[in-house]
Protein backbone atom coordinates (compact mmCIF):
# COMPACT_ATOMS: atom_id res chain seq x y z
CA MET A 1 0.23 0.08 0.14
CA LYS A 2 1.29 3.37 -0.78
CA LEU A 3 0.22 6.46 0.76
CA LYS A 4 1.78 9.80 -0.01
CA GLY A 5 5.17 8.20 -0.16
CA LEU A 6 4.53 6.27 2.90
CA HIS A 7 5.35 2.42 2.11
CA LEU A 8 3.24 0.27 4.38
CA LYS A 9 4.01 -3.62 4.87
CA SER A 10 1.30 -5.88 5.53
CA GLU A 11 3.21 -6.61 8.69
CA ASP A 12 2.91 -2.81 9.57
CA ILE A 13 -0.94 -3.18 9.06
CA ALA A 14 -1.37 -6.00 11.13
CA PHE A 15 0.56 -4.51 14.01
CA PHE A 16 -1.19 -1.34 13.96
CA PHE A 17 -4.47 -3.33 13.48
CA VAL A 18 -3.78 -5.65 16.67
CA LEU A 19 -2.59 -2.53 18.71
CA ALA A 20 -5.94 -0.62 17.64
CA ALA A 21 -7.55 -3.65 18.84
CA ALA A 22 -5.82 -3.89 22.28
CA VAL A 23 -6.65 -0.35 22.93
CA LEU A 24 -10.27 -0.69 22.53
CA LEU A 25 -10.48 -3.44 24.44
CA TYR A 26 -8.71 -2.29 27.32
CA PHE A 27 -10.11 1.24 27.22
CA PRO A 28 -13.38 0.32 29.22
CA GLY A 29 -11.21 -1.09 32.23
CA LEU A 30 -9.35 2.05 32.78
CA SER A 31 -13.07 3.86 34.47
CA GLY A 32 -12.97 1.12 36.84
CA PRO A 33 -12.19 1.15 40.58
CA LEU A 34 -8.69 0.42 41.83
CA LEU A 35 -8.81 -3.23 43.15
CA PHE A 36 -6.22 -4.67 45.15
CA ASP A 37 -7.11 -8.54 44.59
CA ASP A 38 -3.69 -9.76 45.61
CA TYR A 39 -3.94 -9.58 49.35
CA ASN A 40 -4.11 -13.07 49.22
CA SER A 41 -0.57 -13.07 47.68
CA LEU A 42 0.90 -10.72 49.75
CA LYS A 43 -0.03 -12.17 53.31
CA PRO A 44 2.52 -15.12 52.73
CA LEU A 45 5.08 -12.82 52.30
CA GLY A 46 4.65 -11.31 55.59
CA ASN A 47 4.56 -14.80 57.23
CA TRP A 48 7.93 -15.43 55.89
CA GLY A 49 9.39 -12.66 57.56
CA VAL A 50 12.80 -11.49 55.74
CA ILE A 51 13.57 -13.72 52.97
CA ASP A 52 17.38 -13.71 53.07
CA SER A 53 18.48 -17.24 51.39
CA ILE A 54 17.39 -19.04 48.14
CA GLU A 55 15.61 -21.68 50.05
CA LYS A 56 13.26 -19.21 51.76
CA LEU A 57 12.74 -17.53 48.34
CA SER A 58 12.08 -20.91 46.70
CA LEU A 59 9.57 -21.75 49.39
CA PHE A 60 8.09 -18.69 49.22
CA LEU A 61 7.49 -18.73 45.26
CA SER A 62 6.04 -22.24 45.56
CA SER A 63 3.46 -21.28 48.09
CA GLY A 64 1.04 -19.60 45.86
CA LEU A 65 -2.61 -20.14 46.41
CA THR A 66 -3.82 -18.42 43.44
CA GLY A 67 -4.54 -20.57 40.33
CA PRO A 68 -3.01 -24.15 39.21
CA THR A 69 0.56 -22.85 38.85
CA GLY A 70 0.56 -20.63 41.94
CA ARG A 71 1.55 -17.37 40.10
CA PRO A 72 5.35 -17.50 40.90
CA VAL A 73 6.41 -15.02 38.49
CA THR A 74 3.50 -12.20 39.95
CA LEU A 75 5.00 -13.45 43.73
CA PHE A 76 8.58 -12.73 42.64
CA THR A 77 7.47 -9.04 41.74
CA PHE A 78 6.07 -8.74 45.14
CA PHE A 79 9.52 -9.89 46.50
CA SER A 80 11.43 -7.44 44.34
């Protein structure tokens, strides 16, 4: 597609289409209230106290209660 000297590839058009679709899908969620739904994930962090070893970190990351995988990546972001 040629638009006033601008050469767009099909990959560029697809990227902008996906980007626009994502913006349209997520836009309604911006007006909602702020919810803290991670209290259940944060509570065990307080129970472990100071995590000062790899063993404690491993145990904390494997102690997730939300979902089938326990969300270890999310738990790690709470830790750091």
